[in-house]
Amino acid sequence: MLCYPKNFEGSITVLGEKGTVKIGGIAINKIEKWEFEDYDDDDRIIEESNYQPANVYGLGHLPYYKNVTDTLSGKTEPQTDGRDGRKSLEIIKAIYLSAKSGRKIPLPLE
């Protein structure tokens, strides 16, 4: 990401005991690997999740920025708040705690 002369790609890979997922592409827009020990009927719709964005920034940034500016100018209410951000951080913290301890970490954290 953020390399000369343009973004190369970004990816997120989750390696698990019973499966592996890699989401990649230039805008994290393509499921490159979806493999699990057990089949689930929803697995067949994974290919439908891939898309080609109009630009490297995908489709999410402009509506987000518009909501921020509209909220700051008093035209609307924020679509997300600190509680939403805290949930994301809580999940990340639980992942780290689980990796460190080797056990399942229940949410919400205490």
N, C-alpha and C. Protein backbone atom coordinates (compact mmCIF):
# COMPACT_ATOMS: atom_id res chain seq x y z
N MET A 1 0.84 -1.19 0.00
CA MET A 1 0.00 0.00 0.00
C MET A 1 0.88 1.24 0.00
N LEU A 2 0.35 2.28 -0.61
CA LEU A 2 1.02 3.58 -0.63
C LEU A 2 2.46 3.48 -1.13
N CYS A 3 2.63 2.81 -2.24
CA CYS A 3 3.97 2.66 -2.79
C CYS A 3 4.03 3.25 -4.20
N TYR A 4 5.21 3.57 -4.62
CA TYR A 4 5.42 4.18 -5.93
C TYR A 4 5.26 3.16 -7.03
N PRO A 5 4.69 3.43 -8.16
CA PRO A 5 4.02 4.68 -8.53
C PRO A 5 2.55 4.71 -8.14
N LYS A 6 2.01 3.60 -7.65
CA LYS A 6 0.62 3.58 -7.19
C LYS A 6 0.46 2.42 -6.22
N ASN A 7 -0.67 2.38 -5.56
CA ASN A 7 -0.92 1.27 -4.62
C ASN A 7 -0.79 -0.05 -5.35
N PHE A 8 -0.06 -0.97 -4.76
CA PHE A 8 0.12 -2.30 -5.35
C PHE A 8 -1.05 -3.19 -4.98
N GLU A 9 -1.28 -3.35 -3.71
CA GLU A 9 -2.39 -4.16 -3.20
C GLU A 9 -2.43 -4.05 -1.70
N GLY A 10 -3.51 -4.51 -1.14
CA GLY A 10 -3.64 -4.65 0.30
C GLY A 10 -4.24 -6.01 0.55
N SER A 11 -4.00 -6.57 1.70
CA SER A 11 -4.61 -7.86 1.99
C SER A 11 -4.72 -8.08 3.49
N ILE A 12 -5.67 -8.92 3.82
CA ILE A 12 -5.87 -9.36 5.20
C ILE A 12 -5.99 -10.88 5.12
N THR A 13 -5.17 -11.58 5.88
CA THR A 13 -5.23 -13.04 5.90
C THR A 13 -5.46 -13.50 7.32
N VAL A 14 -6.42 -14.40 7.48
CA VAL A 14 -6.68 -15.00 8.78
C VAL A 14 -6.41 -16.49 8.64
N LEU A 15 -5.45 -16.97 9.41
CA LEU A 15 -5.09 -18.39 9.42
C LEU A 15 -5.65 -18.99 10.69
N GLY A 16 -6.50 -19.98 10.53
CA GLY A 16 -7.13 -20.57 11.69
C GLY A 16 -6.91 -22.06 11.77
N GLU A 17 -7.27 -22.62 12.87
CA GLU A 17 -7.13 -24.05 13.11
C GLU A 17 -7.99 -24.88 12.14
N LYS A 18 -9.12 -24.32 11.72
CA LYS A 18 -10.03 -25.07 10.86
C LYS A 18 -10.34 -24.36 9.55
N GLY A 19 -9.55 -23.34 9.21
CA GLY A 19 -9.79 -22.66 7.95
C GLY A 19 -8.85 -21.50 7.72
N THR A 20 -8.83 -21.04 6.47
CA THR A 20 -7.99 -19.92 6.07
C THR A 20 -8.78 -19.02 5.14
N VAL A 21 -8.64 -17.71 5.35
CA VAL A 21 -9.29 -16.73 4.50
C VAL A 21 -8.26 -15.66 4.16
N LYS A 22 -8.21 -15.28 2.88
CA LYS A 22 -7.39 -14.14 2.46
C LYS A 22 -8.27 -13.25 1.60
N ILE A 23 -8.37 -11.99 2.02
CA ILE A 23 -9.08 -10.98 1.26
C ILE A 23 -8.02 -10.02 0.75
N GLY A 24 -7.97 -9.82 -0.57
CA GLY A 24 -6.93 -8.98 -1.15
C GLY A 24 -7.46 -8.13 -2.28
N GLY A 25 -6.58 -7.88 -3.23
CA GLY A 25 -6.91 -7.01 -4.34
C GLY A 25 -6.46 -5.60 -4.06
N ILE A 26 -6.57 -4.76 -5.05
CA ILE A 26 -6.07 -3.39 -4.93
C ILE A 26 -6.82 -2.58 -3.88
N ALA A 27 -8.07 -2.95 -3.60
CA ALA A 27 -8.86 -2.20 -2.62
C ALA A 27 -9.53 -3.15 -1.62
N ILE A 28 -8.85 -4.26 -1.29
CA ILE A 28 -9.42 -5.28 -0.41
C ILE A 28 -10.82 -5.64 -0.92
N ASN A 29 -10.87 -5.97 -2.20
CA ASN A 29 -12.15 -6.17 -2.89
C ASN A 29 -12.35 -7.58 -3.42
N LYS A 30 -11.43 -8.47 -3.13
CA LYS A 30 -11.51 -9.80 -3.71
C LYS A 30 -11.17 -10.87 -2.66
N ILE A 31 -12.04 -11.85 -2.55
CA ILE A 31 -11.73 -12.98 -1.66
C ILE A 31 -10.85 -13.93 -2.45
N GLU A 32 -9.58 -14.02 -2.06
CA GLU A 32 -8.60 -14.81 -2.80
C GLU A 32 -8.50 -16.24 -2.29
N LYS A 33 -8.84 -16.45 -1.05
CA LYS A 33 -8.83 -17.81 -0.49
C LYS A 33 -9.93 -17.91 0.54
N TRP A 34 -10.70 -18.96 0.46
CA TRP A 34 -11.78 -19.22 1.40
C TRP A 34 -11.85 -20.73 1.54
N GLU A 35 -11.18 -21.26 2.53
CA GLU A 35 -11.07 -22.71 2.67
C GLU A 35 -11.24 -23.10 4.13
N PHE A 36 -12.23 -23.97 4.37
CA PHE A 36 -12.53 -24.41 5.73
C PHE A 36 -12.63 -25.93 5.78
N GLU A 37 -12.39 -26.46 6.95
CA GLU A 37 -12.48 -27.91 7.17
C GLU A 37 -13.89 -28.41 6.88
N ASP A 38 -14.89 -27.68 7.37
CA ASP A 38 -16.30 -28.07 7.18
C ASP A 38 -16.99 -27.13 6.21
N TYR A 39 -17.80 -27.69 5.34
CA TYR A 39 -18.56 -26.90 4.36
C TYR A 39 -19.78 -26.26 5.02
N ASP A 40 -20.09 -25.07 4.58
CA ASP A 40 -21.29 -24.37 5.00
C ASP A 40 -22.00 -23.91 3.74
N ASP A 41 -23.32 -24.01 3.69
CA ASP A 41 -24.07 -23.64 2.48
C ASP A 41 -23.79 -22.19 2.05
N ASP A 42 -23.50 -21.31 2.99
CA ASP A 42 -23.20 -19.92 2.64
C ASP A 42 -21.87 -19.77 1.90
N ASP A 43 -21.01 -20.79 1.96
CA ASP A 43 -19.71 -20.70 1.28
C ASP A 43 -19.87 -20.51 -0.23
N ARG A 44 -20.97 -20.97 -0.79
CA ARG A 44 -21.15 -20.89 -2.24
C ARG A 44 -21.36 -19.46 -2.72
N ILE A 45 -21.74 -18.53 -1.84
CA ILE A 45 -21.97 -17.16 -2.27
C ILE A 45 -20.74 -16.27 -2.15
N ILE A 46 -19.62 -16.84 -1.77
CA ILE A 46 -18.40 -16.06 -1.58
C ILE A 46 -17.98 -15.34 -2.86
N GLU A 47 -18.05 -16.02 -3.99
CA GLU A 47 -17.64 -15.40 -5.26
C GLU A 47 -18.45 -14.14 -5.55
N GLU A 48 -19.70 -14.09 -5.11
CA GLU A 48 -20.54 -12.92 -5.34
C GLU A 48 -20.05 -11.69 -4.55
N SER A 49 -19.17 -11.92 -3.58
CA SER A 49 -18.68 -10.82 -2.76
C SER A 49 -17.57 -10.04 -3.46
N ASN A 50 -16.94 -10.62 -4.45
CA ASN A 50 -15.87 -9.93 -5.17
C ASN A 50 -16.47 -8.82 -6.03
N TYR A 51 -15.76 -7.72 -6.14
CA TYR A 51 -16.22 -6.61 -6.97
C TYR A 51 -15.01 -5.83 -7.48
N GLN A 52 -15.23 -5.05 -8.52
CA GLN A 52 -14.17 -4.20 -9.06
C GLN A 52 -14.55 -2.74 -8.76
N PRO A 53 -13.80 -2.09 -7.89
CA PRO A 53 -14.15 -0.72 -7.54
C PRO A 53 -13.82 0.25 -8.67
N ALA A 54 -14.52 1.38 -8.66
CA ALA A 54 -14.26 2.41 -9.66
C ALA A 54 -12.88 3.02 -9.49
N ASN A 55 -12.37 2.97 -8.27
CA ASN A 55 -11.02 3.48 -7.99
C ASN A 55 -10.44 2.72 -6.82
N VAL A 56 -9.20 2.97 -6.52
CA VAL A 56 -8.50 2.23 -5.47
C VAL A 56 -9.15 2.42 -4.10
N TYR A 57 -9.88 3.49 -3.92
CA TYR A 57 -10.48 3.76 -2.63
C TYR A 57 -11.81 3.06 -2.43
N GLY A 58 -12.23 2.28 -3.42
CA GLY A 58 -13.47 1.54 -3.27
C GLY A 58 -14.67 2.45 -3.21
N LEU A 59 -15.69 2.02 -2.50
CA LEU A 59 -16.95 2.77 -2.48
C LEU A 59 -17.24 3.40 -1.13
N GLY A 60 -16.44 3.15 -0.12
CA GLY A 60 -16.78 3.58 1.23
C GLY A 60 -16.28 4.93 1.68
N HIS A 61 -15.21 5.43 1.10
CA HIS A 61 -14.62 6.65 1.64
C HIS A 61 -15.47 7.90 1.41
N LEU A 62 -15.96 8.10 0.21
CA LEU A 62 -16.71 9.33 -0.08
C LEU A 62 -17.96 9.48 0.77
N PRO A 63 -18.80 8.43 0.90
CA PRO A 63 -19.97 8.59 1.79
C PRO A 63 -19.57 8.85 3.25
N TYR A 64 -18.47 8.25 3.68
CA TYR A 64 -18.00 8.48 5.05
C TYR A 64 -17.61 9.94 5.24
N TYR A 65 -16.78 10.47 4.33
CA TYR A 65 -16.35 11.86 4.44
C TYR A 65 -17.53 12.82 4.34
N LYS A 66 -18.50 12.50 3.48
CA LYS A 66 -19.68 13.35 3.36
C LYS A 66 -20.45 13.37 4.68
N ASN A 67 -20.57 12.21 5.34
CA ASN A 67 -21.25 12.18 6.62
C ASN A 67 -20.50 13.00 7.66
N VAL A 68 -19.17 12.93 7.66
CA VAL A 68 -18.38 13.73 8.61
C VAL A 68 -18.61 15.22 8.38
N THR A 69 -18.50 15.68 7.13
CA THR A 69 -18.67 17.11 6.87
C THR A 69 -20.11 17.56 7.12
N ASP A 70 -21.09 16.73 6.74
CA ASP A 70 -22.49 17.08 7.00
C ASP A 70 -22.78 17.12 8.49
N THR A 71 -22.18 16.23 9.26
CA THR A 71 -22.37 16.23 10.72
C THR A 71 -21.75 17.48 11.34
N LEU A 72 -20.53 17.81 10.90
CA LEU A 72 -19.85 18.99 11.45
C LEU A 72 -20.59 20.29 11.11
N SER A 73 -21.28 20.30 9.98
CA SER A 73 -22.03 21.51 9.61
C SER A 73 -23.47 21.48 10.10
N GLY A 74 -23.83 20.47 10.90
CA GLY A 74 -25.14 20.40 11.52
C GLY A 74 -26.26 19.92 10.62
N LYS A 75 -25.95 19.34 9.48
CA LYS A 75 -26.97 18.88 8.54
C LYS A 75 -27.52 17.50 8.85
N THR A 76 -26.77 16.69 9.58
CA THR A 76 -27.19 15.32 9.84
C THR A 76 -26.56 14.81 11.14
N GLU A 77 -26.91 13.61 11.50
CA GLU A 77 -26.33 12.95 12.66
C GLU A 77 -25.21 12.01 12.20
N PRO A 78 -24.22 11.74 13.04
CA PRO A 78 -23.14 10.82 12.64
C PRO A 78 -23.67 9.40 12.46
N GLN A 79 -23.14 8.71 11.44
CA GLN A 79 -23.54 7.32 11.20
C GLN A 79 -22.82 6.36 12.14
N THR A 80 -21.69 6.77 12.67
CA THR A 80 -20.96 5.97 13.66
C THR A 80 -20.59 6.87 14.82
N ASP A 81 -20.26 6.24 15.94
CA ASP A 81 -19.85 7.02 17.10
C ASP A 81 -18.73 6.29 17.84
N GLY A 82 -18.37 6.81 18.96
CA GLY A 82 -17.28 6.22 19.74
C GLY A 82 -17.55 4.79 20.15
N ARG A 83 -18.82 4.45 20.38
CA ARG A 83 -19.15 3.08 20.78
C ARG A 83 -18.82 2.11 19.64
N ASP A 84 -19.10 2.52 18.40
CA ASP A 84 -18.77 1.67 17.26
C ASP A 84 -17.26 1.47 17.15
N GLY A 85 -16.51 2.55 17.34
CA GLY A 85 -15.06 2.44 17.30
C GLY A 85 -14.53 1.55 18.40
N ARG A 86 -15.13 1.65 19.57
CA ARG A 86 -14.71 0.82 20.71
C ARG A 86 -14.93 -0.67 20.42
N LYS A 87 -16.03 -1.01 19.73
CA LYS A 87 -16.30 -2.41 19.39
C LYS A 87 -15.18 -2.96 18.50
N SER A 88 -14.74 -2.18 17.54
CA SER A 88 -13.65 -2.62 16.66
C SER A 88 -12.37 -2.87 17.45
N LEU A 89 -12.05 -1.93 18.33
CA LEU A 89 -10.85 -2.10 19.16
C LEU A 89 -10.98 -3.29 20.10
N GLU A 90 -12.18 -3.53 20.60
CA GLU A 90 -12.41 -4.66 21.49
C GLU A 90 -12.15 -5.99 20.76
N ILE A 91 -12.60 -6.08 19.53
CA ILE A 91 -12.36 -7.30 18.74
C ILE A 91 -10.86 -7.50 18.53
N ILE A 92 -10.16 -6.43 18.17
CA ILE A 92 -8.70 -6.53 17.96
C ILE A 92 -8.00 -6.94 19.24
N LYS A 93 -8.39 -6.34 20.36
CA LYS A 93 -7.79 -6.70 21.65
C LYS A 93 -8.06 -8.17 21.99
N ALA A 94 -9.27 -8.64 21.72
CA ALA A 94 -9.61 -10.04 21.99
C ALA A 94 -8.78 -10.99 21.13
N ILE A 95 -8.53 -10.60 19.89
CA ILE A 95 -7.69 -11.42 19.01
C ILE A 95 -6.28 -11.54 19.59
N TYR A 96 -5.72 -10.42 20.03
CA TYR A 96 -4.39 -10.45 20.64
C TYR A 96 -4.36 -11.29 21.91
N LEU A 97 -5.37 -11.10 22.77
CA LEU A 97 -5.43 -11.88 24.01
C LEU A 97 -5.56 -13.37 23.73
N SER A 98 -6.36 -13.73 22.73
CA SER A 98 -6.53 -15.13 22.37
C SER A 98 -5.24 -15.73 21.85
N ALA A 99 -4.54 -14.97 21.00
CA ALA A 99 -3.27 -15.46 20.45
C ALA A 99 -2.23 -15.64 21.55
N LYS A 100 -2.21 -14.72 22.48
CA LYS A 100 -1.24 -14.78 23.57
C LYS A 100 -1.53 -15.91 24.55
N SER A 101 -2.82 -16.12 24.86
CA SER A 101 -3.18 -17.11 25.87
C SER A 101 -3.51 -18.48 25.29
N GLY A 102 -3.82 -18.53 23.99
CA GLY A 102 -4.19 -19.80 23.37
C GLY A 102 -5.59 -20.27 23.75
N ARG A 103 -6.45 -19.35 24.16
CA ARG A 103 -7.80 -19.72 24.55
C ARG A 103 -8.82 -18.77 23.91
N LYS A 104 -10.09 -19.19 23.93
CA LYS A 104 -11.16 -18.35 23.42
C LYS A 104 -11.38 -17.19 24.38
N ILE A 105 -11.63 -16.02 23.82
CA ILE A 105 -11.89 -14.83 24.61
C ILE A 105 -13.33 -14.38 24.35
N PRO A 106 -14.20 -14.43 25.36
CA PRO A 106 -15.59 -14.03 25.14
C PRO A 106 -15.73 -12.51 25.01
N LEU A 107 -16.70 -12.10 24.21
CA LEU A 107 -17.02 -10.69 24.06
C LEU A 107 -18.39 -10.44 24.65
N PRO A 108 -18.65 -9.30 25.21
CA PRO A 108 -17.73 -8.19 25.35
C PRO A 108 -16.67 -8.47 26.41
N LEU A 109 -15.54 -7.78 26.29
CA LEU A 109 -14.47 -7.92 27.27
C LEU A 109 -14.92 -7.35 28.60
N GLU A 110 -14.39 -7.88 29.65
CA GLU A 110 -14.75 -7.36 30.99
C GLU A 110 -13.88 -6.19 31.33
